[in-house]
Structure formats: C-alpha cells, structure tokens
Amino acid sequence: MPHTPDDQPTTPAPGTYTIDAGRSTIAFTTRHFFGLGAVPGTFALASGQVHVDAEPTLSSATAVIDADSFTTGSGTRDKVVRSPKYLDTAKHPHITFASNAVQDTGSGYVLRGELTVKATTQPVELAVEQPECGAEGIRFRATTRIDRYAFGITVDKGMTARHLTLSLDILAVPAVGNTSGE
C-alpha cells in the first residue's frame, strides 16, 4: 500500500469502519423566497458504517440521519420543516441511506444508493472525493443534489426551493474488533 511522507496510508485499509457521528457533518444549502434567498443548514448523523473492500468498487456505506436535527438558524422555519408539512419527524425520525454501487472515476468515486425520507425511497448519487487516511481514521467528503419533490415533499412550491445541495464531511474510524488499520 502506498504511503505518504508522514507514513499515513493513501488508500484506506480494507475493513469495517464506524462513522463518528460527533466528528462528521452534513451541511446543506437551498433557496427560499422564490429563489432570492440562500438557506444554509445542517443535519446530524445518528450512526453509520463504511465497509472498505480491497477492490474499492465493492465497498459500501450505510448512514442514519437524525431528521429532527434539521437546523437552519431560524427556529420558526426549523419547526415548520420538522412538522408533518415537510419532514414529519415525529412519525419519521430518521432519514436513511444505503449504498448499492461504487464507481471509480479516477479522481474520486460515485457512490450510488437509496435514500429514504418519510417512507419514500429514491436513488441518489454522491460524488465522493478521494478519501483521506490519517491517524484518526478515514475522511470522506461528498456532495449530492436532492429533489424534495421525489420524496413527496411538494408543499410551498416557489416559496421553498425544490432542490437541496448536500455536502458531507464524514470521519470513519475502525469498528470495534476491526484490525484492518493496524
């Protein structure tokens, strides 16, 4: 396996990794007021796992997002988005992702999978940068664009943008019992 000058591997060691929810972020941007205003915000990860295979295209990932963690800095807006009108977090406390394919693009990867929001599952693709390996684990950065209409969230057309751009910064650490990084 190739190594960097500081003796950190440049490719992740095969094995199972747990997503460190406390040191991972899911940020999003969308628009409101008929596209005139930008709305940044975040979601918190509840849990997740990454399985790194010796053949990278056979790797996989799962994640559980705390839907009630939706935050934009506007308490009124956040309450409305968590309500039955949008995410209905009381009935659907989690947003889930499970990958089903990985494609090597040469400069990164395309991670394909299924995202479930409010009991509606749709295919998604994430553009994943080359992972960064370090003493703390593996850092994955990815982006994707989500169409809320595809998940049946169609209220306030025009006032609330149809699409959200998600930026993920994920730290995965060796799972308990995983000896891959040693």
N, C-alpha and C. Protein backbone atom coordinates (compact mmCIF):
# COMPACT_ATOMS: atom_id res chain seq x y z
N MET A 1 0.84 -1.17 0.00
CA MET A 1 0.00 0.00 0.00
C MET A 1 0.89 1.24 0.00
N PRO A 2 0.62 2.24 -0.87
CA PRO A 2 1.44 3.45 -0.90
C PRO A 2 1.32 4.23 0.41
N HIS A 3 2.39 4.93 0.77
CA HIS A 3 2.38 5.74 1.98
C HIS A 3 2.79 7.17 1.67
N THR A 4 2.29 8.09 2.48
CA THR A 4 2.64 9.50 2.35
C THR A 4 3.90 9.76 3.15
N PRO A 5 4.52 10.95 3.00
CA PRO A 5 5.73 11.24 3.76
C PRO A 5 5.56 11.11 5.27
N ASP A 6 4.36 11.38 5.79
CA ASP A 6 4.16 11.24 7.23
C ASP A 6 3.76 9.82 7.61
N ASP A 7 3.98 8.88 6.68
CA ASP A 7 3.74 7.45 6.88
C ASP A 7 2.26 7.10 7.10
N GLN A 8 1.37 7.90 6.55
CA GLN A 8 -0.05 7.58 6.59
C GLN A 8 -0.42 6.93 5.25
N PRO A 9 -1.20 5.85 5.27
CA PRO A 9 -1.60 5.22 4.01
C PRO A 9 -2.43 6.18 3.16
N THR A 10 -2.26 6.09 1.84
CA THR A 10 -3.03 6.95 0.94
C THR A 10 -4.32 6.29 0.48
N THR A 11 -4.43 4.99 0.69
CA THR A 11 -5.68 4.29 0.40
C THR A 11 -6.15 3.61 1.67
N PRO A 12 -7.45 3.63 1.92
CA PRO A 12 -7.96 3.02 3.15
C PRO A 12 -7.69 1.53 3.20
N ALA A 13 -7.36 1.05 4.38
CA ALA A 13 -7.18 -0.38 4.58
C ALA A 13 -8.54 -1.06 4.54
N PRO A 14 -8.63 -2.23 3.92
CA PRO A 14 -9.91 -2.95 3.91
C PRO A 14 -10.38 -3.24 5.33
N GLY A 15 -11.69 -3.20 5.51
CA GLY A 15 -12.27 -3.49 6.81
C GLY A 15 -13.55 -2.71 7.02
N THR A 16 -14.09 -2.85 8.21
CA THR A 16 -15.33 -2.17 8.57
C THR A 16 -15.01 -0.99 9.46
N TYR A 17 -15.61 0.14 9.15
CA TYR A 17 -15.40 1.38 9.88
C TYR A 17 -16.75 1.92 10.36
N THR A 18 -16.73 2.51 11.53
CA THR A 18 -17.92 3.14 12.09
C THR A 18 -17.83 4.64 11.85
N ILE A 19 -18.92 5.23 11.39
CA ILE A 19 -18.93 6.68 11.20
C ILE A 19 -18.98 7.35 12.57
N ASP A 20 -18.04 8.25 12.81
CA ASP A 20 -18.00 9.02 14.06
C ASP A 20 -18.98 10.18 13.90
N ALA A 21 -20.19 10.00 14.41
CA ALA A 21 -21.25 10.98 14.22
C ALA A 21 -20.89 12.34 14.81
N GLY A 22 -20.16 12.36 15.90
CA GLY A 22 -19.78 13.61 16.55
C GLY A 22 -18.75 14.42 15.79
N ARG A 23 -18.01 13.76 14.90
CA ARG A 23 -16.97 14.46 14.13
C ARG A 23 -17.26 14.42 12.63
N SER A 24 -18.52 14.21 12.30
CA SER A 24 -18.96 14.20 10.90
C SER A 24 -20.08 15.23 10.75
N THR A 25 -20.18 15.82 9.56
CA THR A 25 -21.22 16.82 9.34
C THR A 25 -21.94 16.59 8.01
N ILE A 26 -23.20 16.96 8.01
CA ILE A 26 -23.99 17.02 6.78
C ILE A 26 -24.51 18.45 6.70
N ALA A 27 -23.98 19.21 5.78
CA ALA A 27 -24.42 20.58 5.57
C ALA A 27 -25.25 20.62 4.29
N PHE A 28 -26.19 21.56 4.22
CA PHE A 28 -26.98 21.70 3.00
C PHE A 28 -27.18 23.17 2.69
N THR A 29 -27.47 23.43 1.44
CA THR A 29 -27.90 24.77 1.02
C THR A 29 -29.12 24.59 0.13
N THR A 30 -30.02 25.53 0.26
CA THR A 30 -31.21 25.57 -0.58
C THR A 30 -31.59 27.04 -0.74
N ARG A 31 -32.73 27.31 -1.33
CA ARG A 31 -33.16 28.69 -1.56
C ARG A 31 -34.59 28.86 -1.04
N HIS A 32 -34.95 30.11 -0.77
CA HIS A 32 -36.33 30.43 -0.39
C HIS A 32 -36.70 31.78 -0.99
N PHE A 33 -37.91 32.23 -0.74
CA PHE A 33 -38.43 33.47 -1.32
C PHE A 33 -38.25 33.49 -2.83
N PHE A 34 -38.80 32.46 -3.48
CA PHE A 34 -38.77 32.32 -4.93
C PHE A 34 -37.34 32.34 -5.48
N GLY A 35 -36.42 31.76 -4.74
CA GLY A 35 -35.03 31.63 -5.18
C GLY A 35 -34.15 32.81 -4.85
N LEU A 36 -34.68 33.82 -4.17
CA LEU A 36 -33.90 35.03 -3.90
C LEU A 36 -32.96 34.90 -2.71
N GLY A 37 -33.32 34.09 -1.74
CA GLY A 37 -32.50 33.98 -0.54
C GLY A 37 -31.89 32.61 -0.36
N ALA A 38 -30.63 32.59 0.04
CA ALA A 38 -29.94 31.33 0.31
C ALA A 38 -30.27 30.87 1.73
N VAL A 39 -30.42 29.57 1.89
CA VAL A 39 -30.69 28.98 3.21
C VAL A 39 -29.67 27.88 3.46
N PRO A 40 -28.68 28.14 4.32
CA PRO A 40 -27.77 27.07 4.72
C PRO A 40 -28.29 26.38 5.97
N GLY A 41 -27.89 25.13 6.15
CA GLY A 41 -28.30 24.41 7.34
C GLY A 41 -27.52 23.13 7.51
N THR A 42 -27.90 22.37 8.53
CA THR A 42 -27.23 21.11 8.82
C THR A 42 -28.22 20.05 9.28
N PHE A 43 -27.78 18.82 9.15
CA PHE A 43 -28.41 17.65 9.75
C PHE A 43 -27.32 16.96 10.57
N ALA A 44 -27.71 16.22 11.60
CA ALA A 44 -26.76 15.43 12.38
C ALA A 44 -26.88 13.96 12.00
N LEU A 45 -25.75 13.30 11.94
CA LEU A 45 -25.74 11.86 11.73
C LEU A 45 -26.05 11.16 13.05
N ALA A 46 -26.87 10.14 12.99
CA ALA A 46 -27.14 9.33 14.18
C ALA A 46 -26.16 8.16 14.24
N SER A 47 -25.91 7.53 13.09
CA SER A 47 -24.99 6.39 13.03
C SER A 47 -24.67 6.07 11.58
N GLY A 48 -23.71 5.18 11.40
CA GLY A 48 -23.38 4.74 10.06
C GLY A 48 -22.17 3.84 10.05
N GLN A 49 -22.00 3.16 8.93
CA GLN A 49 -20.87 2.25 8.76
C GLN A 49 -20.36 2.34 7.33
N VAL A 50 -19.07 2.13 7.19
CA VAL A 50 -18.44 2.04 5.88
C VAL A 50 -17.67 0.73 5.85
N HIS A 51 -17.90 -0.05 4.81
CA HIS A 51 -17.11 -1.26 4.60
C HIS A 51 -16.19 -0.98 3.43
N VAL A 52 -14.89 -0.99 3.68
CA VAL A 52 -13.89 -0.77 2.64
C VAL A 52 -13.40 -2.13 2.17
N ASP A 53 -13.55 -2.38 0.88
CA ASP A 53 -13.10 -3.63 0.29
C ASP A 53 -11.74 -3.41 -0.37
N ALA A 54 -10.95 -4.47 -0.51
CA ALA A 54 -9.67 -4.38 -1.21
C ALA A 54 -9.89 -3.90 -2.64
N GLU A 55 -11.03 -4.24 -3.21
CA GLU A 55 -11.44 -3.72 -4.51
C GLU A 55 -12.42 -2.58 -4.20
N PRO A 56 -11.98 -1.31 -4.32
CA PRO A 56 -12.81 -0.18 -3.88
C PRO A 56 -14.24 -0.17 -4.42
N THR A 57 -14.45 -0.67 -5.64
CA THR A 57 -15.80 -0.65 -6.21
C THR A 57 -16.75 -1.64 -5.53
N LEU A 58 -16.22 -2.49 -4.64
CA LEU A 58 -17.05 -3.42 -3.88
C LEU A 58 -17.31 -2.92 -2.45
N SER A 59 -16.88 -1.70 -2.16
CA SER A 59 -17.09 -1.10 -0.85
C SER A 59 -18.55 -0.68 -0.70
N SER A 60 -18.96 -0.39 0.53
CA SER A 60 -20.35 0.00 0.77
C SER A 60 -20.44 0.93 1.97
N ALA A 61 -21.59 1.59 2.09
CA ALA A 61 -21.81 2.51 3.21
C ALA A 61 -23.29 2.55 3.57
N THR A 62 -23.55 2.75 4.85
CA THR A 62 -24.91 2.99 5.33
C THR A 62 -24.85 4.17 6.29
N ALA A 63 -25.95 4.91 6.38
CA ALA A 63 -26.00 6.03 7.31
C ALA A 63 -27.43 6.26 7.76
N VAL A 64 -27.55 6.68 9.01
CA VAL A 64 -28.83 7.06 9.58
C VAL A 64 -28.70 8.51 10.03
N ILE A 65 -29.59 9.35 9.52
CA ILE A 65 -29.57 10.79 9.82
C ILE A 65 -30.73 11.09 10.76
N ASP A 66 -30.47 11.89 11.77
CA ASP A 66 -31.50 12.33 12.70
C ASP A 66 -32.32 13.43 12.03
N ALA A 67 -33.52 13.10 11.56
CA ALA A 67 -34.35 14.06 10.83
C ALA A 67 -34.70 15.27 11.70
N ASP A 68 -34.87 15.06 13.00
CA ASP A 68 -35.24 16.14 13.90
C ASP A 68 -34.09 17.13 14.13
N SER A 69 -32.90 16.79 13.66
CA SER A 69 -31.74 17.67 13.83
C SER A 69 -31.69 18.76 12.76
N PHE A 70 -32.64 18.78 11.82
CA PHE A 70 -32.69 19.81 10.77
C PHE A 70 -32.57 21.18 11.43
N THR A 71 -31.53 21.93 11.04
CA THR A 71 -31.28 23.24 11.63
C THR A 71 -30.82 24.23 10.57
N THR A 72 -31.47 25.41 10.56
CA THR A 72 -31.05 26.49 9.64
C THR A 72 -30.71 27.77 10.39
N GLY A 73 -30.93 27.78 11.69
CA GLY A 73 -30.71 29.00 12.46
C GLY A 73 -31.97 29.83 12.62
N SER A 74 -33.05 29.43 11.97
CA SER A 74 -34.34 30.09 12.13
C SER A 74 -35.27 29.11 12.84
N GLY A 75 -35.53 29.35 14.11
CA GLY A 75 -36.36 28.45 14.89
C GLY A 75 -37.73 28.23 14.28
N THR A 76 -38.32 29.29 13.74
CA THR A 76 -39.65 29.17 13.13
C THR A 76 -39.60 28.27 11.91
N ARG A 77 -38.64 28.52 11.01
CA ARG A 77 -38.51 27.69 9.81
C ARG A 77 -38.20 26.25 10.18
N ASP A 78 -37.29 26.05 11.12
CA ASP A 78 -36.89 24.69 11.51
C ASP A 78 -38.09 23.91 12.05
N LYS A 79 -38.92 24.56 12.84
CA LYS A 79 -40.12 23.91 13.39
C LYS A 79 -41.08 23.51 12.26
N VAL A 80 -41.26 24.38 11.28
CA VAL A 80 -42.15 24.08 10.15
C VAL A 80 -41.60 22.92 9.33
N VAL A 81 -40.30 22.90 9.08
CA VAL A 81 -39.71 21.82 8.27
C VAL A 81 -39.77 20.49 9.02
N ARG A 82 -39.68 20.50 10.32
CA ARG A 82 -39.79 19.26 11.10
C ARG A 82 -41.24 18.77 11.22
N SER A 83 -42.19 19.65 10.93
CA SER A 83 -43.62 19.34 11.10
C SER A 83 -44.12 18.37 10.02
N PRO A 84 -45.36 17.88 10.16
CA PRO A 84 -45.93 16.98 9.15
C PRO A 84 -45.97 17.60 7.74
N LYS A 85 -45.93 18.90 7.65
CA LYS A 85 -45.96 19.59 6.35
C LYS A 85 -44.75 19.22 5.48
N TYR A 86 -43.60 19.00 6.12
CA TYR A 86 -42.37 18.68 5.39
C TYR A 86 -41.83 17.30 5.80
N LEU A 87 -40.97 17.25 6.82
CA LEU A 87 -40.29 16.00 7.19
C LEU A 87 -41.09 15.10 8.13
N ASP A 88 -42.02 15.66 8.86
CA ASP A 88 -42.83 14.89 9.81
C ASP A 88 -41.94 14.03 10.71
N THR A 89 -41.03 14.70 11.43
CA THR A 89 -40.03 13.98 12.22
C THR A 89 -40.62 13.20 13.39
N ALA A 90 -41.82 13.55 13.83
CA ALA A 90 -42.45 12.77 14.91
C ALA A 90 -42.78 11.35 14.42
N LYS A 91 -43.21 11.23 13.18
CA LYS A 91 -43.54 9.91 12.61
C LYS A 91 -42.35 9.28 11.89
N HIS A 92 -41.44 10.10 11.40
CA HIS A 92 -40.30 9.61 10.61
C HIS A 92 -39.01 10.22 11.19
N PRO A 93 -38.53 9.70 12.32
CA PRO A 93 -37.39 10.31 12.99
C PRO A 93 -36.05 10.16 12.27
N HIS A 94 -35.99 9.25 11.30
CA HIS A 94 -34.71 9.01 10.63
C HIS A 94 -34.82 9.13 9.11
N ILE A 95 -33.74 9.59 8.53
CA ILE A 95 -33.52 9.56 7.09
C ILE A 95 -32.40 8.55 6.91
N THR A 96 -32.56 7.59 6.01
CA THR A 96 -31.55 6.54 5.88
C THR A 96 -30.96 6.51 4.47
N PHE A 97 -29.71 6.07 4.42
CA PHE A 97 -29.01 5.87 3.15
C PHE A 97 -28.34 4.52 3.18
N ALA A 98 -28.42 3.79 2.07
CA ALA A 98 -27.70 2.52 1.91
C ALA A 98 -27.16 2.49 0.49
N SER A 99 -25.85 2.32 0.37
CA SER A 99 -25.25 2.29 -0.97
C SER A 99 -25.50 0.94 -1.62
N ASN A 100 -25.45 0.94 -2.96
CA ASN A 100 -25.59 -0.32 -3.70
C ASN A 100 -24.58 -0.44 -4.84
N ALA A 101 -23.77 0.60 -5.06
CA ALA A 101 -22.75 0.54 -6.11
C ALA A 101 -21.73 1.65 -5.90
N VAL A 102 -20.49 1.37 -6.29
CA VAL A 102 -19.42 2.36 -6.25
C VAL A 102 -18.73 2.34 -7.60
N GLN A 103 -18.54 3.51 -8.17
CA GLN A 103 -17.85 3.63 -9.45
C GLN A 103 -16.61 4.49 -9.25
N ASP A 104 -15.46 3.98 -9.70
CA ASP A 104 -14.20 4.72 -9.64
C ASP A 104 -14.16 5.66 -10.83
N THR A 105 -13.99 6.96 -10.58
CA THR A 105 -13.93 7.95 -11.67
C THR A 105 -12.50 8.35 -12.00
N GLY A 106 -11.54 7.82 -11.26
CA GLY A 106 -10.15 8.19 -11.47
C GLY A 106 -9.72 9.30 -10.52
N SER A 107 -10.58 10.30 -10.33
CA SER A 107 -10.27 11.39 -9.41
C SER A 107 -11.09 11.30 -8.12
N GLY A 108 -11.92 10.29 -8.04
CA GLY A 108 -12.79 10.09 -6.88
C GLY A 108 -13.73 8.93 -7.17
N TYR A 109 -14.91 9.00 -6.61
CA TYR A 109 -15.87 7.91 -6.77
C TYR A 109 -17.28 8.46 -6.91
N VAL A 110 -18.15 7.68 -7.53
CA VAL A 110 -19.58 7.93 -7.49
C VAL A 110 -20.17 6.83 -6.62
N LEU A 111 -20.81 7.23 -5.54
CA LEU A 111 -21.45 6.29 -4.63
C LEU A 111 -22.94 6.33 -4.91
N ARG A 112 -23.46 5.22 -5.40
CA ARG A 112 -24.89 5.14 -5.70
C ARG A 112 -25.59 4.39 -4.57
N GLY A 113 -26.81 4.81 -4.30
CA GLY A 113 -27.55 4.14 -3.25
C GLY A 113 -28.98 4.61 -3.19
N GLU A 114 -29.63 4.25 -2.10
CA GLU A 114 -31.03 4.60 -1.90
C GLU A 114 -31.17 5.43 -0.64
N LEU A 115 -31.86 6.55 -0.79
CA LEU A 115 -32.14 7.46 0.32
C LEU A 115 -33.62 7.33 0.65
N THR A 116 -33.92 7.16 1.93
CA THR A 116 -35.32 7.05 2.37
C THR A 116 -35.66 8.24 3.26
N VAL A 117 -36.66 9.00 2.82
CA VAL A 117 -37.17 10.16 3.55
C VAL A 117 -38.68 9.99 3.66
N LYS A 118 -39.21 10.03 4.87
CA LYS A 118 -40.66 9.90 5.09
C LYS A 118 -41.23 8.66 4.40
N ALA A 119 -40.57 7.53 4.54
CA ALA A 119 -41.01 6.24 3.99
C ALA A 119 -41.00 6.19 2.47
N THR A 120 -40.39 7.16 1.82
CA THR A 120 -40.23 7.15 0.37
C THR A 120 -38.76 6.95 0.05
N THR A 121 -38.47 5.94 -0.76
CA THR A 121 -37.09 5.61 -1.12
C THR A 121 -36.84 5.98 -2.57
N GLN A 122 -35.73 6.69 -2.80
CA GLN A 122 -35.35 7.11 -4.14
C GLN A 122 -33.85 6.89 -4.34
N PRO A 123 -33.43 6.65 -5.59
CA PRO A 123 -32.00 6.51 -5.86
C PRO A 123 -31.30 7.87 -5.77
N VAL A 124 -30.07 7.84 -5.28
CA VAL A 124 -29.24 9.04 -5.24
C VAL A 124 -27.82 8.68 -5.64
N GLU A 125 -27.08 9.67 -6.09
CA GLU A 125 -25.67 9.52 -6.41
C GLU A 125 -24.89 10.58 -5.66
N LEU A 126 -23.82 10.17 -5.02
CA LEU A 126 -22.94 11.10 -4.32
C LEU A 126 -21.60 11.13 -5.04
N ALA A 127 -21.10 12.32 -5.28
CA ALA A 127 -19.75 12.50 -5.83
C ALA A 127 -18.80 12.52 -4.64
N VAL A 128 -17.94 11.51 -4.56
CA VAL A 128 -17.04 11.35 -3.41
C VAL A 128 -15.62 11.67 -3.84
N GLU A 129 -14.97 12.57 -3.09
CA GLU A 129 -13.55 12.87 -3.34
C GLU A 129 -12.71 11.67 -2.91
N GLN A 130 -11.44 11.68 -3.33
CA GLN A 130 -10.53 10.64 -2.85
C GLN A 130 -10.49 10.68 -1.33
N PRO A 131 -10.65 9.55 -0.65
CA PRO A 131 -10.62 9.55 0.82
C PRO A 131 -9.25 9.96 1.34
N GLU A 132 -9.25 10.56 2.52
CA GLU A 132 -8.01 10.94 3.19
C GLU A 132 -7.82 10.03 4.39
N CYS A 133 -6.67 9.36 4.44
CA CYS A 133 -6.37 8.46 5.56
C CYS A 133 -5.47 9.18 6.55
N GLY A 134 -5.79 9.06 7.82
CA GLY A 134 -4.99 9.69 8.86
C GLY A 134 -5.02 8.87 10.13
N ALA A 135 -4.36 9.39 11.14
CA ALA A 135 -4.28 8.69 12.42
C ALA A 135 -5.65 8.51 13.06
N GLU A 136 -6.58 9.43 12.78
CA GLU A 136 -7.92 9.36 13.40
C GLU A 136 -8.87 8.43 12.65
N GLY A 137 -8.56 8.12 11.41
CA GLY A 137 -9.44 7.28 10.60
C GLY A 137 -9.44 7.73 9.15
N ILE A 138 -10.54 7.51 8.48
CA ILE A 138 -10.67 7.87 7.07
C ILE A 138 -11.66 9.02 6.95
N ARG A 139 -11.26 10.06 6.23
CA ARG A 139 -12.12 11.22 6.00
C ARG A 139 -12.68 11.11 4.58
N PHE A 140 -14.01 11.11 4.50
CA PHE A 140 -14.71 11.09 3.21
C PHE A 140 -15.44 12.42 3.04
N ARG A 141 -15.31 13.01 1.85
CA ARG A 141 -16.07 14.22 1.53
C ARG A 141 -16.88 13.94 0.27
N ALA A 142 -18.14 14.31 0.31
CA ALA A 142 -19.03 14.01 -0.81
C ALA A 142 -20.08 15.10 -0.96
N THR A 143 -20.63 15.20 -2.16
CA THR A 143 -21.73 16.14 -2.43
C THR A 143 -22.80 15.42 -3.24
N THR A 144 -24.02 15.91 -3.11
CA THR A 144 -25.13 15.41 -3.90
C THR A 144 -26.21 16.47 -3.96
N ARG A 145 -27.12 16.31 -4.88
CA ARG A 145 -28.27 17.21 -5.01
C ARG A 145 -29.53 16.38 -4.84
N ILE A 146 -30.40 16.82 -3.95
CA ILE A 146 -31.62 16.10 -3.62
C ILE A 146 -32.83 16.89 -4.12
N ASP A 147 -33.75 16.19 -4.76
CA ASP A 147 -35.02 16.76 -5.22
C ASP A 147 -36.09 16.40 -4.20
N ARG A 148 -36.54 17.36 -3.42
CA ARG A 148 -37.52 17.06 -2.37
C ARG A 148 -38.84 16.57 -2.94
N TYR A 149 -39.19 16.98 -4.15
CA TYR A 149 -40.43 16.52 -4.78
C TYR A 149 -40.41 15.01 -4.97
N ALA A 150 -39.23 14.44 -5.25
CA ALA A 150 -39.11 13.00 -5.45
C ALA A 150 -39.49 12.21 -4.20
N PHE A 151 -39.45 12.88 -3.05
CA PHE A 151 -39.80 12.23 -1.78
C PHE A 151 -41.20 12.63 -1.31
N GLY A 152 -41.97 13.24 -2.21
CA GLY A 152 -43.34 13.61 -1.89
C GLY A 152 -43.47 14.87 -1.06
N ILE A 153 -42.39 15.62 -0.92
CA ILE A 153 -42.42 16.87 -0.15
C ILE A 153 -42.57 18.01 -1.17
N THR A 154 -43.82 18.33 -1.48
CA THR A 154 -44.10 19.27 -2.57
C THR A 154 -44.80 20.54 -2.11
N VAL A 155 -44.92 20.76 -0.82
CA VAL A 155 -45.60 21.95 -0.31
C VAL A 155 -44.78 23.21 -0.58
N ASP A 156 -45.46 24.34 -0.59
CA ASP A 156 -44.83 25.66 -0.74
C ASP A 156 -43.96 25.77 -1.99
N LYS A 157 -44.49 25.25 -3.11
CA LYS A 157 -43.76 25.36 -4.37
C LYS A 157 -43.49 26.83 -4.65
N GLY A 158 -42.30 27.13 -5.08
CA GLY A 158 -41.91 28.51 -5.35
C GLY A 158 -41.31 29.17 -4.12
N MET A 159 -42.05 29.17 -3.03
CA MET A 159 -41.53 29.79 -1.80
C MET A 159 -40.33 29.03 -1.26
N THR A 160 -40.37 27.72 -1.39
CA THR A 160 -39.29 26.87 -0.92
C THR A 160 -38.70 26.15 -2.12
N ALA A 161 -37.40 26.19 -2.27
CA ALA A 161 -36.76 25.58 -3.43
C ALA A 161 -37.02 24.08 -3.50
N ARG A 162 -37.00 23.58 -4.70
CA ARG A 162 -37.22 22.16 -4.95
C ARG A 162 -36.00 21.33 -4.57
N HIS A 163 -34.81 21.87 -4.75
CA HIS A 163 -33.57 21.10 -4.58
C HIS A 163 -32.76 21.58 -3.38
N LEU A 164 -32.05 20.62 -2.80
CA LEU A 164 -31.08 20.90 -1.74
C LEU A 164 -29.75 20.32 -2.20
N THR A 165 -28.68 21.05 -1.97
CA THR A 165 -27.34 20.53 -2.23
C THR A 165 -26.74 20.15 -0.89
N LEU A 166 -26.36 18.88 -0.77
CA LEU A 166 -25.78 18.38 0.47
C LEU A 166 -24.28 18.23 0.32
N SER A 167 -23.55 18.62 1.36
CA SER A 167 -22.10 18.44 1.44
C SER A 167 -21.82 17.63 2.70
N LEU A 168 -21.20 16.49 2.51
CA LEU A 168 -20.92 15.59 3.63
C LEU A 168 -19.43 15.58 3.93
N ASP A 169 -19.10 15.64 5.20
CA ASP A 169 -17.73 15.52 5.68
C ASP A 169 -17.77 14.44 6.76
N ILE A 170 -17.34 13.25 6.40
CA ILE A 170 -17.54 12.06 7.23
C ILE A 170 -16.20 11.53 7.72
N LEU A 171 -16.11 11.29 9.03
CA LEU A 171 -14.95 10.62 9.61
C LEU A 171 -15.38 9.22 10.00
N ALA A 172 -14.69 8.22 9.44
CA ALA A 172 -14.96 6.82 9.76
C ALA A 172 -13.75 6.25 10.49
N VAL A 173 -14.02 5.61 11.62
CA VAL A 173 -12.95 5.05 12.46
C VAL A 173 -13.08 3.53 12.46
N PRO A 174 -11.98 2.80 12.64
CA PRO A 174 -12.08 1.34 12.65
C PRO A 174 -13.13 0.87 13.65
N ALA A 175 -13.99 -0.04 13.20
CA ALA A 175 -15.02 -0.60 14.07
C ALA A 175 -14.37 -1.45 15.15
N VAL A 176 -15.03 -1.59 16.27
CA VAL A 176 -14.53 -2.43 17.35
C VAL A 176 -14.28 -3.83 16.80
N GLY A 177 -13.09 -4.34 17.03
CA GLY A 177 -12.74 -5.66 16.53
C GLY A 177 -12.13 -5.64 15.14
N ASN A 178 -12.12 -4.48 14.48
CA ASN A 178 -11.55 -4.35 13.15
C ASN A 178 -10.05 -4.18 13.28
N THR A 179 -9.28 -5.05 12.68
CA THR A 179 -7.83 -4.96 12.76
C THR A 179 -7.22 -4.45 11.47
N SER A 180 -8.06 -3.93 10.57
CA SER A 180 -7.59 -3.54 9.24
C SER A 180 -6.58 -2.41 9.26
N GLY A 181 -6.71 -1.47 10.20
CA GLY A 181 -5.84 -0.31 10.18
C GLY A 181 -4.54 -0.53 10.92
N GLU A 182 -4.30 -1.73 11.41
CA GLU A 182 -3.10 -1.97 12.22
C GLU A 182 -1.98 -2.55 11.40
